[in-house]
Amino acid sequence: MKALINNWRFVIILSLTLGLAPFVPEPHIWGKIKWIAGGAKGMAALDWFDFVYHAIPWVLLIRLSILKLTGKLPKELASQPKAKGLV
């Protein structure tokens, strides 16, 4: 699990898919952020859960970026492992 949340490819793909879905008319997370910035009036528990669900990939991406910039990301996790064939 730790290797998965420290994998750049996985976190970026997760951010661009789950973090932005649905894409039309605007990314869902962006709509939730605007709703919260506007006072979060009328937000139910399900809306808050939905916000957290779509925000987790972005939190992982920010976390991974900070670890990389501060040099605290272990070297074996910082480099991407080579894909091995299924044998």
C-alpha atoms as a PDB file:
ATOM      1  CA  MET A   1       0.000   0.000   0.000  1.00  0.00           C
ATOM      2  CA  LYS A   2       2.793   2.416   0.898  1.00  0.00           C
ATOM      3  CA  ALA A   3       4.479   1.839  -2.440  1.00  0.00           C
ATOM      4  CA  LEU A   4       1.179   2.490  -4.213  1.00  0.00           C
ATOM      5  CA  ILE A   5       0.487   5.883  -2.628  1.00  0.00           C
ATOM      6  CA  ASN A   6       4.094   6.896  -3.315  1.00  0.00           C
ATOM      7  CA  ASN A   7       3.899   5.920  -6.988  1.00  0.00           C
ATOM      8  CA  TRP A   8       3.851   9.080  -9.115  1.00  0.00           C
ATOM      9  CA  ARG A   9       2.031   7.480 -12.052  1.00  0.00           C
ATOM     10  CA  PHE A  10      -0.707   6.042  -9.870  1.00  0.00           C
ATOM     11  CA  VAL A  11      -1.283   9.276  -7.938  1.00  0.00           C
ATOM     12  CA  ILE A  12      -1.335  11.455 -11.077  1.00  0.00           C
ATOM     13  CA  ILE A  13      -3.751   9.144 -12.892  1.00  0.00           C
ATOM     14  CA  LEU A  14      -5.920   8.997  -9.776  1.00  0.00           C
ATOM     15  CA  SER A  15      -5.943  12.803  -9.544  1.00  0.00           C
ATOM     16  CA  LEU A  16      -6.840  13.279 -13.194  1.00  0.00           C
ATOM     17  CA  THR A  17      -9.616  10.676 -13.198  1.00  0.00           C
ATOM     18  CA  LEU A  18     -11.252  10.315  -9.782  1.00  0.00           C
ATOM     19  CA  GLY A  19     -10.113  13.739  -8.642  1.00  0.00           C
ATOM     20  CA  LEU A  20     -11.764  15.553 -11.544  1.00  0.00           C
ATOM     21  CA  ALA A  21     -14.676  13.259 -12.488  1.00  0.00           C
ATOM     22  CA  PRO A  22     -17.262  14.099 -13.763  1.00  0.00           C
ATOM     23  CA  PHE A  23     -15.600  16.512 -16.143  1.00  0.00           C
ATOM     24  CA  VAL A  24     -18.626  18.273 -17.681  1.00  0.00           C
ATOM     25  CA  PRO A  25     -19.812  21.017 -17.157  1.00  0.00           C
ATOM     26  CA  GLU A  26     -16.951  21.563 -14.655  1.00  0.00           C
ATOM     27  CA  PRO A  27     -14.806  19.225 -12.553  1.00  0.00           C
ATOM     28  CA  HIS A  28     -16.865  17.992  -9.621  1.00  0.00           C
ATOM     29  CA  ILE A  29     -14.231  18.887  -7.025  1.00  0.00           C
ATOM     30  CA  TRP A  30     -14.143  22.454  -8.346  1.00  0.00           C
ATOM     31  CA  GLY A  31     -17.901  22.758  -7.872  1.00  0.00           C
ATOM     32  CA  LYS A  32     -17.608  21.441  -4.305  1.00  0.00           C
ATOM     33  CA  ILE A  33     -14.779  23.878  -3.505  1.00  0.00           C
ATOM     34  CA  LYS A  34     -16.874  26.790  -4.809  1.00  0.00           C
ATOM     35  CA  TRP A  35     -19.828  25.566  -2.746  1.00  0.00           C
ATOM     36  CA  ILE A  36     -17.705  25.401   0.420  1.00  0.00           C
ATOM     37  CA  ALA A  37     -16.122  28.788  -0.311  1.00  0.00           C
ATOM     38  CA  GLY A  38     -19.635  30.205  -0.654  1.00  0.00           C
ATOM     39  CA  GLY A  39     -20.533  29.149   2.868  1.00  0.00           C
ATOM     40  CA  ALA A  40     -21.472  25.483   2.324  1.00  0.00           C
ATOM     41  CA  LYS A  41     -25.145  26.319   2.793  1.00  0.00           C
ATOM     42  CA  GLY A  42     -27.287  23.265   2.247  1.00  0.00           C
ATOM     43  CA  MET A  43     -24.425  20.762   2.224  1.00  0.00           C
ATOM     44  CA  ALA A  44     -25.491  17.433   3.677  1.00  0.00           C
ATOM     45  CA  ALA A  45     -23.232  14.716   5.085  1.00  0.00           C
ATOM     46  CA  LEU A  46     -23.228  12.971   1.711  1.00  0.00           C
ATOM     47  CA  ASP A  47     -21.910  16.141   0.043  1.00  0.00           C
ATOM     48  CA  TRP A  48     -19.051  16.354   2.540  1.00  0.00           C
ATOM     49  CA  PHE A  49     -18.214  12.674   1.976  1.00  0.00           C
ATOM     50  CA  ASP A  50     -18.285  13.288  -1.780  1.00  0.00           C
ATOM     51  CA  PHE A  51     -15.921  16.246  -1.370  1.00  0.00           C
ATOM     52  CA  VAL A  52     -13.464  14.159   0.678  1.00  0.00           C
ATOM     53  CA  TYR A  53     -13.728  11.286  -1.830  1.00  0.00           C
ATOM     54  CA  HIS A  54     -12.794  13.546  -4.754  1.00  0.00           C
ATOM     55  CA  ALA A  55     -10.147  15.445  -2.738  1.00  0.00           C
ATOM     56  CA  ILE A  56      -8.104  12.415  -1.566  1.00  0.00           C
ATOM     57  CA  PRO A  57      -6.183  12.041  -4.873  1.00  0.00           C
ATOM     58  CA  TRP A  58      -5.203  15.732  -4.744  1.00  0.00           C
ATOM     59  CA  VAL A  59      -4.099  15.436  -1.124  1.00  0.00           C
ATOM     60  CA  LEU A  60      -1.929  12.445  -2.093  1.00  0.00           C
ATOM     61  CA  LEU A  61      -0.431  14.400  -5.006  1.00  0.00           C
ATOM     62  CA  ILE A  62       0.351  17.417  -2.815  1.00  0.00           C
ATOM     63  CA  ARG A  63       1.806  15.126  -0.126  1.00  0.00           C
ATOM     64  CA  LEU A  64       3.999  13.324  -2.653  1.00  0.00           C
ATOM     65  CA  SER A  65       5.182  16.639  -4.130  1.00  0.00           C
ATOM     66  CA  ILE A  66       6.121  18.000  -0.695  1.00  0.00           C
ATOM     67  CA  LEU A  67       7.986  14.789   0.187  1.00  0.00           C
ATOM     68  CA  LYS A  68       9.893  14.981  -3.103  1.00  0.00           C
ATOM     69  CA  LEU A  69      10.741  18.681  -2.707  1.00  0.00           C
ATOM     70  CA  THR A  70      11.932  18.279   0.877  1.00  0.00           C
ATOM     71  CA  GLY A  71      13.946  15.175   0.046  1.00  0.00           C
ATOM     72  CA  LYS A  72      12.048  13.018   2.528  1.00  0.00           C
ATOM     73  CA  LEU A  73      10.792  10.573  -0.101  1.00  0.00           C
ATOM     74  CA  PRO A  74      12.907   7.402   0.180  1.00  0.00           C
ATOM     75  CA  LYS A  75      15.067   6.871  -2.889  1.00  0.00           C
ATOM     76  CA  GLU A  76      13.646   3.427  -3.625  1.00  0.00           C
ATOM     77  CA  LEU A  77      10.155   4.964  -3.703  1.00  0.00           C
ATOM     78  CA  ALA A  78      11.181   8.104  -5.580  1.00  0.00           C
ATOM     79  CA  SER A  79      12.257   6.176  -8.658  1.00  0.00           C
ATOM     80  CA  GLN A  80       9.607   4.436 -10.689  1.00  0.00           C
ATOM     81  CA  PRO A  81       9.968   0.652 -10.770  1.00  0.00           C
ATOM     82  CA  LYS A  82      10.361  -0.862 -14.197  1.00  0.00           C
ATOM     83  CA  ALA A  83       7.360  -2.801 -15.471  1.00  0.00           C
ATOM     84  CA  LYS A  84       8.036  -6.514 -15.492  1.00  0.00           C
ATOM     85  CA  GLY A  85       6.406  -8.875 -17.928  1.00  0.00           C
ATOM     86  CA  LEU A  86       3.868 -11.342 -16.682  1.00  0.00           C
ATOM     87  CA  VAL A  87       5.569 -14.714 -16.841  1.00  0.00           C
END
